[in-house]
Amino acid sequence: MIKIITKTHFAFLRHDLEKGTDDSTAIFVAGGGKCFIKDNKYIEHLEYFNAREWEGNSFEFEYLIDGDTLITKGVEKIEELDINYFNIEKYLRVEE
């Protein structure tokens, strides 16, 4: 998975490690939208997603930056879709 975060927007891409050759694990996920930080919260507003029913929802995460590592924790909840996921993500900054 790769996630790109700017001051105003985010985007992510994720695919399986088998390059689509194993039907049981084949996956491709992509999305993005606006994001902002308020106090100790990182908030994403999902504008584009390959699962279109998720679009238009916002998700709030606590975040921690430790050196080049970003860790976010929070709940992705969409009541009308019966979605209630606790999500922890850990990203390492890559610079060229």
PDB file of N, CA and C in Angstrom:
ATOM      1  N   MET A   1       0.841  -1.177   0.000  1.00  0.00           N
ATOM      2  CA  MET A   1       0.000   0.000   0.000  1.00  0.00           C
ATOM      3  C   MET A   1       0.884   1.237   0.000  1.00  0.00           C
ATOM      4  N   ILE A   2       0.424   2.238  -0.721  1.00  0.00           N
ATOM      5  CA  ILE A   2       1.090   3.533  -0.714  1.00  0.00           C
ATOM      6  C   ILE A   2       0.026   4.576  -0.387  1.00  0.00           C
ATOM      7  N   LYS A   3       0.408   5.551   0.424  1.00  0.00           N
ATOM      8  CA  LYS A   3      -0.501   6.646   0.756  1.00  0.00           C
ATOM      9  C   LYS A   3       0.265   7.945   0.565  1.00  0.00           C
ATOM     10  N   ILE A   4      -0.361   8.877  -0.109  1.00  0.00           N
ATOM     11  CA  ILE A   4       0.226  10.185  -0.364  1.00  0.00           C
ATOM     12  C   ILE A   4      -0.620  11.206   0.388  1.00  0.00           C
ATOM     13  N   ILE A   5       0.034  12.002   1.219  1.00  0.00           N
ATOM     14  CA  ILE A   5      -0.674  13.006   2.010  1.00  0.00           C
ATOM     15  C   ILE A   5      -0.016  14.360   1.763  1.00  0.00           C
ATOM     16  N   THR A   6      -0.829  15.332   1.362  1.00  0.00           N
ATOM     17  CA  THR A   6      -0.355  16.708   1.227  1.00  0.00           C
ATOM     18  C   THR A   6      -1.026  17.533   2.321  1.00  0.00           C
ATOM     19  N   LYS A   7      -0.864  18.832   2.283  1.00  0.00           N
ATOM     20  CA  LYS A   7      -1.496  19.697   3.283  1.00  0.00           C
ATOM     21  C   LYS A   7      -3.016  19.702   3.171  1.00  0.00           C
ATOM     22  N   THR A   8      -3.546  19.350   2.001  1.00  0.00           N
ATOM     23  CA  THR A   8      -4.987  19.449   1.780  1.00  0.00           C
ATOM     24  C   THR A   8      -5.658  18.172   1.280  1.00  0.00           C
ATOM     25  N   HIS A   9      -4.893  17.220   0.761  1.00  0.00           N
ATOM     26  CA  HIS A   9      -5.480  16.034   0.145  1.00  0.00           C
ATOM     27  C   HIS A   9      -4.689  14.765   0.480  1.00  0.00           C
ATOM     28  N   PHE A  10      -5.345  13.641   0.279  1.00  0.00           N
ATOM     29  CA  PHE A  10      -4.699  12.341   0.442  1.00  0.00           C
ATOM     30  C   PHE A  10      -5.151  11.431  -0.692  1.00  0.00           C
ATOM     31  N   ALA A  11      -4.339  10.416  -0.964  1.00  0.00           N
ATOM     32  CA  ALA A  11      -4.702   9.380  -1.934  1.00  0.00           C
ATOM     33  C   ALA A  11      -4.023   8.094  -1.505  1.00  0.00           C
ATOM     34  N   PHE A  12      -4.666   6.968  -1.793  1.00  0.00           N
ATOM     35  CA  PHE A  12      -4.057   5.687  -1.452  1.00  0.00           C
ATOM     36  C   PHE A  12      -4.318   4.674  -2.545  1.00  0.00           C
ATOM     37  N   LEU A  13      -3.383   3.740  -2.667  1.00  0.00           N
ATOM     38  CA  LEU A  13      -3.465   2.630  -3.613  1.00  0.00           C
ATOM     39  C   LEU A  13      -3.016   1.377  -2.884  1.00  0.00           C
ATOM     40  N   ARG A  14      -3.742   0.300  -3.048  1.00  0.00           N
ATOM     41  CA  ARG A  14      -3.360  -0.962  -2.402  1.00  0.00           C
ATOM     42  C   ARG A  14      -3.678  -2.115  -3.350  1.00  0.00           C
ATOM     43  N   HIS A  15      -2.743  -3.054  -3.422  1.00  0.00           N
ATOM     44  CA  HIS A  15      -3.006  -4.272  -4.189  1.00  0.00           C
ATOM     45  C   HIS A  15      -2.366  -5.456  -3.477  1.00  0.00           C
ATOM     46  N   ASP A  16      -2.771  -6.630  -3.893  1.00  0.00           N
ATOM     47  CA  ASP A  16      -2.246  -7.849  -3.279  1.00  0.00           C
ATOM     48  C   ASP A  16      -0.796  -8.069  -3.681  1.00  0.00           C
ATOM     49  N   LEU A  17      -0.091  -8.861  -2.902  1.00  0.00           N
ATOM     50  CA  LEU A  17       1.328  -9.132  -3.166  1.00  0.00           C
ATOM     51  C   LEU A  17       1.549 -10.207  -4.223  1.00  0.00           C
ATOM     52  N   GLU A  18       0.489 -10.888  -4.618  1.00  0.00           N
ATOM     53  CA  GLU A  18       0.600 -11.956  -5.631  1.00  0.00           C
ATOM     54  C   GLU A  18       0.352 -11.434  -7.048  1.00  0.00           C
ATOM     55  N   LYS A  19       0.239 -10.123  -7.193  1.00  0.00           N
ATOM     56  CA  LYS A  19       0.044  -9.472  -8.491  1.00  0.00           C
ATOM     57  C   LYS A  19      -1.195  -9.982  -9.232  1.00  0.00           C
ATOM     58  N   GLY A  20      -2.228 -10.312  -8.459  1.00  0.00           N
ATOM     59  CA  GLY A  20      -3.491 -10.738  -9.044  1.00  0.00           C
ATOM     60  C   GLY A  20      -3.525 -12.176  -9.507  1.00  0.00           C
ATOM     61  N   THR A  21      -2.455 -12.949  -9.284  1.00  0.00           N
ATOM     62  CA  THR A  21      -2.408 -14.326  -9.784  1.00  0.00           C
ATOM     63  C   THR A  21      -3.111 -15.314  -8.865  1.00  0.00           C
ATOM     64  N   ASP A  22      -3.370 -14.948  -7.625  1.00  0.00           N
ATOM     65  CA  ASP A  22      -4.073 -15.824  -6.681  1.00  0.00           C
ATOM     66  C   ASP A  22      -5.474 -15.259  -6.488  1.00  0.00           C
ATOM     67  N   ASP A  23      -6.470 -15.916  -7.094  1.00  0.00           N
ATOM     68  CA  ASP A  23      -7.842 -15.406  -7.050  1.00  0.00           C
ATOM     69  C   ASP A  23      -8.367 -15.193  -5.631  1.00  0.00           C
ATOM     70  N   SER A  24      -7.862 -15.947  -4.665  1.00  0.00           N
ATOM     71  CA  SER A  24      -8.383 -15.817  -3.305  1.00  0.00           C
ATOM     72  C   SER A  24      -7.877 -14.558  -2.608  1.00  0.00           C
ATOM     73  N   THR A  25      -6.768 -13.983  -3.092  1.00  0.00           N
ATOM     74  CA  THR A  25      -6.224 -12.778  -2.455  1.00  0.00           C
ATOM     75  C   THR A  25      -6.151 -11.583  -3.398  1.00  0.00           C
ATOM     76  N   ALA A  26      -6.572 -11.743  -4.646  1.00  0.00           N
ATOM     77  CA  ALA A  26      -6.467 -10.653  -5.618  1.00  0.00           C
ATOM     78  C   ALA A  26      -7.319  -9.470  -5.174  1.00  0.00           C
ATOM     79  N   ILE A  27      -6.690  -8.288  -5.095  1.00  0.00           N
ATOM     80  CA  ILE A  27      -7.394  -7.091  -4.648  1.00  0.00           C
ATOM     81  C   ILE A  27      -6.721  -5.859  -5.241  1.00  0.00           C
ATOM     82  N   PHE A  28      -7.531  -4.854  -5.542  1.00  0.00           N
ATOM     83  CA  PHE A  28      -7.019  -3.538  -5.883  1.00  0.00           C
ATOM     84  C   PHE A  28      -7.969  -2.524  -5.271  1.00  0.00           C
ATOM     85  N   VAL A  29      -7.431  -1.606  -4.493  1.00  0.00           N
ATOM     86  CA  VAL A  29      -8.218  -0.594  -3.804  1.00  0.00           C
ATOM     87  C   VAL A  29      -7.569   0.759  -4.068  1.00  0.00           C
ATOM     88  N   ALA A  30      -8.378   1.765  -4.377  1.00  0.00           N
ATOM     89  CA  ALA A  30      -7.848   3.111  -4.595  1.00  0.00           C
ATOM     90  C   ALA A  30      -8.884   4.134  -4.163  1.00  0.00           C
ATOM     91  N   GLY A  31      -8.391   5.227  -3.582  1.00  0.00           N
ATOM     92  CA  GLY A  31      -9.290   6.285  -3.162  1.00  0.00           C
ATOM     93  C   GLY A  31      -8.531   7.534  -2.779  1.00  0.00           C
ATOM     94  N   GLY A  32      -9.287   8.557  -2.436  1.00  0.00           N
ATOM     95  CA  GLY A  32      -8.668   9.804  -2.014  1.00  0.00           C
ATOM     96  C   GLY A  32      -9.700  10.879  -1.785  1.00  0.00           C
ATOM     97  N   GLY A  33      -9.197  12.023  -1.371  1.00  0.00           N
ATOM     98  CA  GLY A  33     -10.069  13.160  -1.117  1.00  0.00           C
ATOM     99  C   GLY A  33      -9.348  14.224  -0.322  1.00  0.00           C
ATOM    100  N   LYS A  34     -10.123  15.039   0.379  1.00  0.00           N
ATOM    101  CA  LYS A  34      -9.564  16.110   1.189  1.00  0.00           C
ATOM    102  C   LYS A  34      -9.206  15.584   2.578  1.00  0.00           C
ATOM    103  N   CYS A  35      -8.214  16.221   3.197  1.00  0.00           N
ATOM    104  CA  CYS A  35      -7.855  15.885   4.570  1.00  0.00           C
ATOM    105  C   CYS A  35      -7.427  17.149   5.293  1.00  0.00           C
ATOM    106  N   PHE A  36      -7.516  17.094   6.622  1.00  0.00           N
ATOM    107  CA  PHE A  36      -7.024  18.206   7.415  1.00  0.00           C
ATOM    108  C   PHE A  36      -6.733  17.733   8.832  1.00  0.00           C
ATOM    109  N   ILE A  37      -5.975  18.551   9.529  1.00  0.00           N
ATOM    110  CA  ILE A  37      -5.613  18.253  10.914  1.00  0.00           C
ATOM    111  C   ILE A  37      -6.273  19.276  11.809  1.00  0.00           C
ATOM    112  N   LYS A  38      -6.909  18.789  12.862  1.00  0.00           N
ATOM    113  CA  LYS A  38      -7.542  19.655  13.852  1.00  0.00           C
ATOM    114  C   LYS A  38      -7.150  19.116  15.220  1.00  0.00           C
ATOM    115  N   ASP A  39      -6.443  19.935  15.980  1.00  0.00           N
ATOM    116  CA  ASP A  39      -5.918  19.515  17.277  1.00  0.00           C
ATOM    117  C   ASP A  39      -5.048  18.279  17.074  1.00  0.00           C
ATOM    118  N   ASN A  40      -5.367  17.185  17.757  1.00  0.00           N
ATOM    119  CA  ASN A  40      -4.573  15.959  17.600  1.00  0.00           C
ATOM    120  C   ASN A  40      -5.273  14.949  16.688  1.00  0.00           C
ATOM    121  N   LYS A  41      -6.171  15.427  15.827  1.00  0.00           N
ATOM    122  CA  LYS A  41      -6.937  14.561  14.934  1.00  0.00           C
ATOM    123  C   LYS A  41      -6.548  14.789  13.481  1.00  0.00           C
ATOM    124  N   TYR A  42      -6.427  13.691  12.754  1.00  0.00           N
ATOM    125  CA  TYR A  42      -6.239  13.703  11.305  1.00  0.00           C
ATOM    126  C   TYR A  42      -7.565  13.241  10.710  1.00  0.00           C
ATOM    127  N   ILE A  43      -8.165  14.054   9.849  1.00  0.00           N
ATOM    128  CA  ILE A  43      -9.495  13.768   9.324  1.00  0.00           C
ATOM    129  C   ILE A  43      -9.435  13.643   7.808  1.00  0.00           C
ATOM    130  N   GLU A  44      -9.989  12.548   7.307  1.00  0.00           N
ATOM    131  CA  GLU A  44     -10.067  12.313   5.864  1.00  0.00           C
ATOM    132  C   GLU A  44     -11.520  12.393   5.425  1.00  0.00           C
ATOM    133  N   HIS A  45     -11.767  13.109   4.333  1.00  0.00           N
ATOM    134  CA  HIS A  45     -13.084  13.123   3.713  1.00  0.00           C
ATOM    135  C   HIS A  45     -12.940  12.390   2.378  1.00  0.00           C
ATOM    136  N   LEU A  46     -13.495  11.199   2.312  1.00  0.00           N
ATOM    137  CA  LEU A  46     -13.334  10.319   1.162  1.00  0.00           C
ATOM    138  C   LEU A  46     -14.236  10.774   0.017  1.00  0.00           C
ATOM    139  N   GLU A  47     -13.617  11.335  -1.024  1.00  0.00           N
ATOM    140  CA  GLU A  47     -14.368  11.835  -2.181  1.00  0.00           C
ATOM    141  C   GLU A  47     -14.400  10.839  -3.331  1.00  0.00           C
ATOM    142  N   TYR A  48     -13.348  10.027  -3.445  1.00  0.00           N
ATOM    143  CA  TYR A  48     -13.220   9.069  -4.551  1.00  0.00           C
ATOM    144  C   TYR A  48     -12.810   7.731  -3.973  1.00  0.00           C
ATOM    145  N   PHE A  49     -13.474   6.658  -4.392  1.00  0.00           N
ATOM    146  CA  PHE A  49     -13.134   5.331  -3.890  1.00  0.00           C
ATOM    147  C   PHE A  49     -13.708   4.305  -4.856  1.00  0.00           C
ATOM    148  N   ASN A  50     -12.986   3.217  -5.054  1.00  0.00           N
ATOM    149  CA  ASN A  50     -13.506   2.215  -5.986  1.00  0.00           C
ATOM    150  C   ASN A  50     -14.759   1.528  -5.434  1.00  0.00           C
ATOM    151  N   ALA A  51     -14.999   1.580  -4.133  1.00  0.00           N
ATOM    152  CA  ALA A  51     -16.274   1.143  -3.541  1.00  0.00           C
ATOM    153  C   ALA A  51     -17.109   2.411  -3.363  1.00  0.00           C
ATOM    154  N   ARG A  52     -17.852   2.780  -4.389  1.00  0.00           N
ATOM    155  CA  ARG A  52     -18.509   4.083  -4.456  1.00  0.00           C
ATOM    156  C   ARG A  52     -19.432   4.377  -3.280  1.00  0.00           C
ATOM    157  N   GLU A  53     -19.985   3.354  -2.652  1.00  0.00           N
ATOM    158  CA  GLU A  53     -20.902   3.585  -1.534  1.00  0.00           C
ATOM    159  C   GLU A  53     -20.201   4.189  -0.313  1.00  0.00           C
ATOM    160  N   TRP A  54     -18.865   4.145  -0.271  1.00  0.00           N
ATOM    161  CA  TRP A  54     -18.092   4.756   0.817  1.00  0.00           C
ATOM    162  C   TRP A  54     -17.888   6.252   0.593  1.00  0.00           C
ATOM    163  N   GLU A  55     -18.033   6.718  -0.651  1.00  0.00           N
ATOM    164  CA  GLU A  55     -17.759   8.116  -0.975  1.00  0.00           C
ATOM    165  C   GLU A  55     -18.669   9.058  -0.187  1.00  0.00           C
ATOM    166  N   GLY A  56     -18.102  10.233   0.145  1.00  0.00           N
ATOM    167  CA  GLY A  56     -18.875  11.245   0.861  1.00  0.00           C
ATOM    168  C   GLY A  56     -18.809  11.120   2.371  1.00  0.00           C
ATOM    169  N   ASN A  57     -18.073  10.152   2.874  1.00  0.00           N
ATOM    170  CA  ASN A  57     -17.951   9.960   4.323  1.00  0.00           C
ATOM    171  C   ASN A  57     -16.615  10.502   4.823  1.00  0.00           C
ATOM    172  N   SER A  58     -16.620  10.936   6.083  1.00  0.00           N
ATOM    173  CA  SER A  58     -15.406  11.425   6.733  1.00  0.00           C
ATOM    174  C   SER A  58     -15.018  10.483   7.854  1.00  0.00           C
ATOM    175  N   PHE A  59     -13.713  10.350   8.054  1.00  0.00           N
ATOM    176  CA  PHE A  59     -13.183   9.465   9.091  1.00  0.00           C
ATOM    177  C   PHE A  59     -12.147  10.235   9.902  1.00  0.00           C
ATOM    178  N   GLU A  60     -12.245  10.120  11.210  1.00  0.00           N
ATOM    179  CA  GLU A  60     -11.375  10.860  12.121  1.00  0.00           C
ATOM    180  C   GLU A  60     -10.429   9.893  12.823  1.00  0.00           C
ATOM    181  N   PHE A  61      -9.148  10.246  12.833  1.00  0.00           N
ATOM    182  CA  PHE A  61      -8.123   9.392  13.424  1.00  0.00           C
ATOM    183  C   PHE A  61      -7.257  10.198  14.386  1.00  0.00           C
ATOM    184  N   GLU A  62      -6.827   9.565  15.456  1.00  0.00           N
ATOM    185  CA  GLU A  62      -5.747  10.121  16.255  1.00  0.00           C
ATOM    186  C   GLU A  62      -4.471   9.843  15.485  1.00  0.00           C
ATOM    187  N   TYR A  63      -3.484  10.707  15.617  1.00  0.00           N
ATOM    188  CA  TYR A  63      -2.246  10.452  14.893  1.00  0.00           C
ATOM    189  C   TYR A  63      -1.038  10.747  15.763  1.00  0.00           C
ATOM    190  N   LEU A  64       0.063  10.100  15.400  1.00  0.00           N
ATOM    191  CA  LEU A  64       1.343  10.279  16.064  1.00  0.00           C
ATOM    192  C   LEU A  64       2.411  10.283  14.986  1.00  0.00           C
ATOM    193  N   ILE A  65       3.312  11.263  15.052  1.00  0.00           N
ATOM    194  CA  ILE A  65       4.459  11.285  14.156  1.00  0.00           C
ATOM    195  C   ILE A  65       5.691  11.053  15.004  1.00  0.00           C
ATOM    196  N   ASP A  66       6.432  10.010  14.666  1.00  0.00           N
ATOM    197  CA  ASP A  66       7.657   9.652  15.377  1.00  0.00           C
ATOM    198  C   ASP A  66       8.778   9.570  14.345  1.00  0.00           C
ATOM    199  N   GLY A  67       9.560  10.643  14.233  1.00  0.00           N
ATOM    200  CA  GLY A  67      10.599  10.683  13.204  1.00  0.00           C
ATOM    201  C   GLY A  67       9.971  10.656  11.824  1.00  0.00           C
ATOM    202  N   ASP A  68      10.283   9.643  11.031  1.00  0.00           N
ATOM    203  CA  ASP A  68       9.733   9.479   9.685  1.00  0.00           C
ATOM    204  C   ASP A  68       8.519   8.559   9.640  1.00  0.00           C
ATOM    205  N   THR A  69       7.948   8.241  10.796  1.00  0.00           N
ATOM    206  CA  THR A  69       6.826   7.304  10.863  1.00  0.00           C
ATOM    207  C   THR A  69       5.547   8.018  11.290  1.00  0.00           C
ATOM    208  N   LEU A  70       4.477   7.778  10.556  1.00  0.00           N
ATOM    209  CA  LEU A  70       3.140   8.284  10.877  1.00  0.00           C
ATOM    210  C   LEU A  70       2.283   7.101  11.288  1.00  0.00           C
ATOM    211  N   ILE A  71       1.633   7.209  12.436  1.00  0.00           N
ATOM    212  CA  ILE A  71       0.707   6.171  12.897  1.00  0.00           C
ATOM    213  C   ILE A  71      -0.653   6.826  13.108  1.00  0.00           C
ATOM    214  N   THR A  72      -1.684   6.257  12.492  1.00  0.00           N
ATOM    215  CA  THR A  72      -3.050   6.738  12.684  1.00  0.00           C
ATOM    216  C   THR A  72      -3.896   5.617  13.271  1.00  0.00           C
ATOM    217  N   LYS A  73      -4.822   6.003  14.161  1.00  0.00           N
ATOM    218  CA  LYS A  73      -5.741   5.043  14.782  1.00  0.00           C
ATOM    219  C   LYS A  73      -7.122   5.670  14.832  1.00  0.00           C
ATOM    220  N   GLY A  74      -8.124   4.901  14.443  1.00  0.00           N
ATOM    221  CA  GLY A  74      -9.485   5.411  14.508  1.00  0.00           C
ATOM    222  C   GLY A  74     -10.487   4.422  13.968  1.00  0.00           C
ATOM    223  N   VAL A  75     -11.736   4.851  13.952  1.00  0.00           N
ATOM    224  CA  VAL A  75     -12.838   3.995  13.510  1.00  0.00           C
ATOM    225  C   VAL A  75     -13.364   4.507  12.173  1.00  0.00           C
ATOM    226  N   GLU A  76     -13.496   3.602  11.227  1.00  0.00           N
ATOM    227  CA  GLU A  76     -14.177   3.890   9.972  1.00  0.00           C
ATOM    228  C   GLU A  76     -15.596   3.348  10.135  1.00  0.00           C
ATOM    229  N   LYS A  77     -16.553   4.270  10.272  1.00  0.00           N
ATOM    230  CA  LYS A  77     -17.922   3.855  10.552  1.00  0.00           C
ATOM    231  C   LYS A  77     -18.873   4.490   9.546  1.00  0.00           C
ATOM    232  N   ILE A  78     -19.686   3.618   8.913  1.00  0.00           N
ATOM    233  CA  ILE A  78     -20.742   4.057   8.013  1.00  0.00           C
ATOM    234  C   ILE A  78     -21.974   3.235   8.400  1.00  0.00           C
ATOM    235  N   GLU A  79     -22.853   3.835   9.177  1.00  0.00           N
ATOM    236  CA  GLU A  79     -23.993   3.095   9.739  1.00  0.00           C
ATOM    237  C   GLU A  79     -24.867   2.451   8.673  1.00  0.00           C
ATOM    238  N   GLU A  80     -25.188   3.194   7.612  1.00  0.00           N
ATOM    239  CA  GLU A  80     -26.112   2.653   6.606  1.00  0.00           C
ATOM    240  C   GLU A  80     -25.536   1.460   5.845  1.00  0.00           C
ATOM    241  N   LEU A  81     -24.206   1.277   5.904  1.00  0.00           N
ATOM    242  CA  LEU A  81     -23.570   0.117   5.273  1.00  0.00           C
ATOM    243  C   LEU A  81     -23.161  -0.937   6.299  1.00  0.00           C
ATOM    244  N   ASP A  82     -23.486  -0.706   7.562  1.00  0.00           N
ATOM    245  CA  ASP A  82     -23.125  -1.605   8.663  1.00  0.00           C
ATOM    246  C   ASP A  82     -21.604  -1.809   8.727  1.00  0.00           C
ATOM    247  N   ILE A  83     -20.869  -0.719   8.495  1.00  0.00           N
ATOM    248  CA  ILE A  83     -19.407  -0.752   8.549  1.00  0.00           C
ATOM    249  C   ILE A  83     -18.974  -0.098   9.847  1.00  0.00           C
ATOM    250  N   ASN A  84     -18.124  -0.783  10.588  1.00  0.00           N
ATOM    251  CA  ASN A  84     -17.618  -0.275  11.855  1.00  0.00           C
ATOM    252  C   ASN A  84     -16.255  -0.920  12.096  1.00  0.00           C
ATOM    253  N   TYR A  85     -15.222  -0.390  11.416  1.00  0.00           N
ATOM    254  CA  TYR A  85     -13.882  -0.975  11.454  1.00  0.00           C
ATOM    255  C   TYR A  85     -12.954  -0.134  12.324  1.00  0.00           C
ATOM    256  N   PHE A  86     -12.240  -0.774  13.235  1.00  0.00           N
ATOM    257  CA  PHE A  86     -11.150  -0.105  13.936  1.00  0.00           C
ATOM    258  C   PHE A  86      -9.927  -0.238  13.051  1.00  0.00           C
ATOM    259  N   ASN A  87      -9.284   0.872  12.758  1.00  0.00           N
ATOM    260  CA  ASN A  87      -8.216   0.902  11.767  1.00  0.00           C
ATOM    261  C   ASN A  87      -6.951   1.496  12.378  1.00  0.00           C
ATOM    262  N   ILE A  88      -5.847   0.781  12.261  1.00  0.00           N
ATOM    263  CA  ILE A  88      -4.532   1.292  12.624  1.00  0.00           C
ATOM    264  C   ILE A  88      -3.669   1.226  11.376  1.00  0.00           C
ATOM    265  N   GLU A  89      -3.079   2.353  11.018  1.00  0.00           N
ATOM    266  CA  GLU A  89      -2.193   2.396   9.861  1.00  0.00           C
ATOM    267  C   GLU A  89      -0.848   2.952  10.302  1.00  0.00           C
ATOM    268  N   LYS A  90       0.223   2.414   9.730  1.00  0.00           N
ATOM    269  CA  LYS A  90       1.577   2.852  10.045  1.00  0.00           C
ATOM    270  C   LYS A  90       2.314   3.060   8.734  1.00  0.00           C
ATOM    271  N   TYR A  91       2.808   4.280   8.533  1.00  0.00           N
ATOM    272  CA  TYR A  91       3.471   4.640   7.284  1.00  0.00           C
ATOM    273  C   TYR A  91       4.870   5.182   7.556  1.00  0.00           C
ATOM    274  N   LEU A  92       5.773   4.835   6.694  1.00  0.00           N
ATOM    275  CA  LEU A  92       7.148   5.339   6.742  1.00  0.00           C
ATOM    276  C   LEU A  92       7.316   6.336   5.599  1.00  0.00           C
ATOM    277  N   ARG A  93       7.793   7.538   5.923  1.00  0.00           N
ATOM    278  CA  ARG A  93       8.005   8.571   4.906  1.00  0.00           C
ATOM    279  C   ARG A  93       9.118   8.139   3.966  1.00  0.00           C
ATOM    280  N   VAL A  94       8.854   8.302   2.680  1.00  0.00           N
ATOM    281  CA  VAL A  94       9.842   8.002   1.657  1.00  0.00           C
ATOM    282  C   VAL A  94      10.156   9.310   0.952  1.00  0.00           C
ATOM    283  N   GLU A  95      11.433   9.658   0.911  1.00  0.00           N
ATOM    284  CA  GLU A  95      11.861  10.872   0.227  1.00  0.00           C
ATOM    285  C   GLU A  95      12.871  10.504  -0.843  1.00  0.00           C
ATOM    286  N   GLU A  96      12.852  11.257  -1.927  1.00  0.00           N
ATOM    287  CA  GLU A  96      13.812  11.023  -3.003  1.00  0.00           C
ATOM    288  C   GLU A  96      14.892  12.066  -2.965  1.00  0.00           C
TER     289      GLU A  96
END
